[in-house]
Amino acid sequence: MLEQELKEIWRNSSQEEKIKFDLSRLIIDLNDKTSSIEKNIRRRDNTDFVTAILSVPIFGYIAYVIPFPITKVGIILAMIGFIWGIIKRRNHKKNKLPIQLNLTFREQLKNQRINMLKEVRLLDTVLYWFIIPSFIPYAISIIGLGDPTEYGWSNTMLNQLLPISLSYKMANLIFAVAIFAAILWTNKRIIRKTLKPLIKDIDKVMHQLEQEN
């Protein structure tokens, strides 16, 4: 009923009123989309931060107790990757412009646009700051796994898991490639389906505002 009434109001309005009506609708839709995306970004950043913080001591312990030298190197590199990821996320968060309510609406839109462009750059370069720094340590760790009995390690469960054959190591690496490829594809899809359309919506609203003035 409400939707039908709004349509009737729009049809009976003057051209100038229709433009204002359309602009108001665009602004409401834009605010909803922006709020949803910002909420998802905060949730993602918090999850990644907690995961990295918890992973560093766990990986540190594994690197301490595991006897295989090459695997130790891989795990230490993974820890460095986790720390690098934390720094990258924190720097990205610090560089985002605050949406200050004391600014004009046009200035707020400009800041939102800049922030979304920074988010696009972050996701667009995920291959370099996350995928490669994660895959290389994983590959080194898997390749370095050997026979634990050669290092004095021996228990029932460990003897069932190790040593693993070269073909099994390769299968693990291929599986890891598939996982990281999926992560890359997901980030590219978010850029294409979510962030770029939002930037276009911001541009559209800013253009409408300029026309009104």
Protein backbone atom coordinates (compact mmCIF):
# COMPACT_ATOMS: atom_id res chain seq x y z
CA MET A 1 0.00 0.00 0.00
CA LEU A 2 2.77 2.43 0.95
CA GLU A 3 4.72 1.64 -2.22
CA GLN A 4 1.64 2.34 -4.35
CA GLU A 5 1.06 5.65 -2.57
CA LEU A 6 4.66 6.68 -3.19
CA LYS A 7 4.29 5.88 -6.87
CA GLU A 8 1.15 8.03 -7.04
CA ILE A 9 2.94 10.92 -5.32
CA TRP A 10 5.83 10.60 -7.78
CA ARG A 11 3.51 10.56 -10.82
CA ASN A 12 1.62 13.65 -9.64
CA SER A 13 4.76 15.62 -8.81
CA SER A 14 6.41 18.28 -10.93
CA GLN A 15 9.67 17.54 -12.72
CA GLU A 16 11.68 19.38 -10.09
CA GLU A 17 9.94 17.50 -7.29
CA LYS A 18 10.56 14.20 -9.10
CA ILE A 19 14.28 14.96 -9.24
CA LYS A 20 14.33 15.70 -5.52
CA PHE A 21 12.30 12.58 -4.82
CA ASP A 22 14.69 10.43 -6.86
CA LEU A 23 17.69 12.02 -5.14
CA SER A 24 16.23 11.32 -1.70
CA ARG A 25 15.63 7.70 -2.66
CA LEU A 26 19.20 7.42 -3.99
CA ILE A 27 20.61 8.84 -0.75
CA ILE A 28 18.59 6.42 1.39
CA ASP A 29 19.66 3.44 -0.73
CA LEU A 30 23.27 4.62 -0.66
CA ASN A 31 23.28 4.99 3.14
CA ASP A 32 21.87 1.49 3.53
CA LYS A 33 24.47 -0.03 1.19
CA THR A 34 27.35 1.90 2.75
CA SER A 35 26.34 0.95 6.30
CA SER A 36 26.06 -2.72 5.32
CA ILE A 37 29.45 -2.76 3.59
CA GLU A 38 31.19 -0.91 6.43
CA LYS A 39 29.71 -3.38 8.91
CA ASN A 40 31.00 -6.33 6.87
CA ILE A 41 34.45 -4.72 6.59
CA ARG A 42 34.64 -4.20 10.37
CA ARG A 43 33.57 -7.79 10.99
CA ARG A 44 36.15 -9.08 8.53
CA ASP A 45 38.95 -6.96 9.98
CA ASN A 46 38.13 -7.99 13.56
CA THR A 47 37.99 -11.68 12.60
CA ASP A 48 41.30 -11.50 10.72
CA PHE A 49 42.95 -9.61 13.57
CA VAL A 50 41.84 -12.12 16.23
CA THR A 51 42.87 -15.05 13.99
CA ALA A 52 46.33 -13.58 13.44
CA ILE A 53 46.85 -12.75 17.13
CA LEU A 54 45.91 -16.30 18.16
CA SER A 55 47.93 -17.92 15.37
CA VAL A 56 51.28 -16.29 16.22
CA PRO A 57 51.81 -18.01 19.63
CA ILE A 58 50.37 -21.31 18.35
CA PHE A 59 52.71 -21.35 15.37
CA GLY A 60 55.56 -20.25 17.63
CA TYR A 61 55.03 -23.29 19.84
CA ILE A 62 54.85 -25.60 16.81
CA ALA A 63 58.07 -24.10 15.43
CA TYR A 64 59.74 -24.71 18.79
CA VAL A 65 58.78 -28.37 19.17
CA ILE A 66 58.84 -29.62 15.57
CA PRO A 67 62.18 -31.20 14.63
CA PHE A 68 62.25 -30.68 10.85
CA PRO A 69 64.53 -27.71 9.99
CA ILE A 70 62.87 -26.80 6.68
CA THR A 71 59.40 -26.99 8.22
CA LYS A 72 60.63 -24.77 11.09
CA VAL A 73 61.65 -22.16 8.52
CA GLY A 74 58.23 -22.36 6.86
CA ILE A 75 56.40 -21.94 10.17
CA ILE A 76 58.56 -18.96 11.18
CA LEU A 77 57.86 -17.36 7.79
CA ALA A 78 54.15 -17.98 8.39
CA MET A 79 54.43 -16.15 11.73
CA ILE A 80 56.10 -13.23 9.99
CA GLY A 81 53.25 -13.30 7.46
CA PHE A 82 50.68 -13.11 10.25
CA ILE A 83 52.47 -10.13 11.81
CA TRP A 84 52.74 -8.45 8.40
CA GLY A 85 49.00 -8.99 7.88
CA ILE A 86 48.23 -7.34 11.22
CA ILE A 87 50.40 -4.34 10.32
CA LYS A 88 48.81 -4.12 6.85
CA ARG A 89 45.29 -4.16 8.26
CA ARG A 90 46.09 -1.59 10.97
CA ASN A 91 47.73 0.77 8.48
CA HIS A 92 44.78 0.39 6.14
CA LYS A 93 42.39 1.21 8.97
CA LYS A 94 44.44 4.24 10.07
CA ASN A 95 44.57 5.62 6.53
CA LYS A 96 40.80 5.55 6.10
CA LEU A 97 39.16 8.95 6.33
CA PRO A 98 36.69 9.42 9.20
CA ILE A 99 33.11 10.20 8.20
CA GLN A 100 32.61 13.31 10.32
CA LEU A 101 29.04 14.47 10.81
CA ASN A 102 30.14 18.11 11.03
CA LEU A 103 31.20 17.96 7.36
CA THR A 104 28.81 18.79 4.56
CA PHE A 105 27.01 15.84 3.00
CA ARG A 106 29.03 16.26 -0.21
CA GLU A 107 32.31 16.15 1.76
CA GLN A 108 31.12 13.03 3.58
CA LEU A 109 30.39 11.42 0.23
CA LYS A 110 33.87 12.31 -1.01
CA ASN A 111 35.42 10.69 2.06
CA GLN A 112 33.28 7.60 1.60
CA ARG A 113 34.35 7.39 -2.03
CA ILE A 114 38.03 7.68 -1.09
CA ASN A 115 37.61 4.95 1.55
CA MET A 116 35.90 2.62 -0.92
CA LEU A 117 38.71 3.19 -3.44
CA LYS A 118 41.24 2.29 -0.73
CA GLU A 119 39.23 -0.85 0.00
CA VAL A 120 39.32 -1.73 -3.70
CA ARG A 121 43.11 -1.31 -3.74
CA LEU A 122 43.44 -3.47 -0.62
CA LEU A 123 41.42 -6.35 -2.06
CA ASP A 124 42.90 -5.94 -5.53
CA THR A 125 46.43 -6.49 -4.15
CA VAL A 126 45.51 -9.42 -1.85
CA LEU A 127 47.72 -11.66 -4.00
CA TYR A 128 50.85 -9.78 -2.86
CA TRP A 129 50.19 -9.04 0.80
CA PHE A 130 48.26 -12.18 1.80
CA ILE A 131 48.16 -15.06 -0.69
CA ILE A 132 51.85 -15.26 -1.65
CA PRO A 133 53.10 -14.61 1.94
CA SER A 134 50.74 -17.38 3.10
CA PHE A 135 51.30 -19.96 0.36
CA ILE A 136 55.11 -19.90 0.35
CA PRO A 137 55.46 -20.70 4.11
CA TYR A 138 52.80 -23.40 3.78
CA ALA A 139 54.61 -24.97 0.82
CA ILE A 140 57.96 -24.88 2.65
CA SER A 141 56.37 -26.42 5.76
CA ILE A 142 54.77 -29.28 3.81
CA ILE A 143 57.88 -30.01 1.73
CA GLY A 144 60.05 -30.04 4.87
CA LEU A 145 58.06 -32.76 6.66
CA GLY A 146 60.23 -35.85 7.10
CA ASP A 147 60.50 -39.00 9.18
CA PRO A 148 60.08 -38.16 12.89
CA THR A 149 61.94 -41.28 14.03
CA GLU A 150 65.14 -39.82 12.56
CA TYR A 151 64.86 -37.02 15.13
CA GLY A 152 63.86 -39.21 18.07
CA TRP A 153 60.17 -38.48 17.74
CA SER A 154 57.97 -41.53 18.12
CA ASN A 155 54.38 -42.11 19.20
CA THR A 156 51.44 -44.05 17.81
CA MET A 157 49.54 -41.12 16.26
CA LEU A 158 52.64 -39.41 14.85
CA ASN A 159 53.89 -42.61 13.27
CA GLN A 160 50.57 -42.97 11.47
CA LEU A 161 50.75 -39.47 10.01
CA LEU A 162 54.44 -39.19 9.13
CA PRO A 163 56.42 -39.56 7.02
CA ILE A 164 54.25 -38.65 4.02
CA SER A 165 55.03 -39.43 0.42
CA LEU A 166 56.01 -36.85 -2.21
CA SER A 167 52.75 -37.45 -4.07
CA TYR A 168 50.77 -36.69 -0.90
CA LYS A 169 52.78 -33.50 -0.39
CA MET A 170 52.03 -32.46 -3.97
CA ALA A 171 48.33 -33.17 -3.43
CA ASN A 172 48.38 -30.91 -0.37
CA LEU A 173 50.06 -28.13 -2.35
CA ILE A 174 47.55 -28.44 -5.19
CA PHE A 175 44.71 -28.25 -2.67
CA ALA A 176 46.31 -25.14 -1.12
CA VAL A 177 46.58 -23.54 -4.57
CA ALA A 178 42.86 -24.18 -5.11
CA ILE A 179 41.99 -22.62 -1.73
CA PHE A 180 44.11 -19.51 -2.31
CA ALA A 181 42.77 -19.20 -5.88
CA ALA A 182 39.25 -19.22 -4.39
CA ILE A 183 40.26 -16.46 -1.95
CA LEU A 184 41.65 -14.38 -4.83
CA TRP A 185 38.50 -14.94 -6.90
CA THR A 186 36.27 -14.00 -3.94
CA ASN A 187 38.12 -10.73 -3.40
CA LYS A 188 37.95 -9.85 -7.09
CA ARG A 189 34.23 -10.65 -7.07
CA ILE A 190 33.63 -8.37 -4.06
CA ILE A 191 35.35 -5.57 -5.97
CA ARG A 192 33.29 -6.21 -9.10
CA LYS A 193 29.90 -6.90 -7.51
CA THR A 194 29.93 -4.75 -4.37
CA LEU A 195 32.58 -2.02 -4.13
CA LYS A 196 32.62 -0.68 -7.70
CA PRO A 197 28.80 -0.48 -7.90
CA LEU A 198 28.82 1.39 -4.58
CA ILE A 199 31.39 3.87 -5.92
CA LYS A 200 29.16 4.40 -8.98
CA ASP A 201 26.20 5.06 -6.68
CA ILE A 202 28.25 7.63 -4.75
CA ASP A 203 29.24 9.30 -8.03
CA LYS A 204 25.60 9.34 -9.10
CA VAL A 205 24.45 11.03 -5.90
CA MET A 206 27.28 13.57 -6.06
CA HIS A 207 26.39 14.34 -9.66
CA GLN A 208 22.73 14.87 -8.69
CA LEU A 209 23.76 17.17 -5.88
CA GLU A 210 25.89 19.23 -8.25
CA GLN A 211 22.98 19.53 -10.68
CA GLU A 212 20.74 20.83 -7.92
CA ASN A 213 23.24 23.59 -7.20
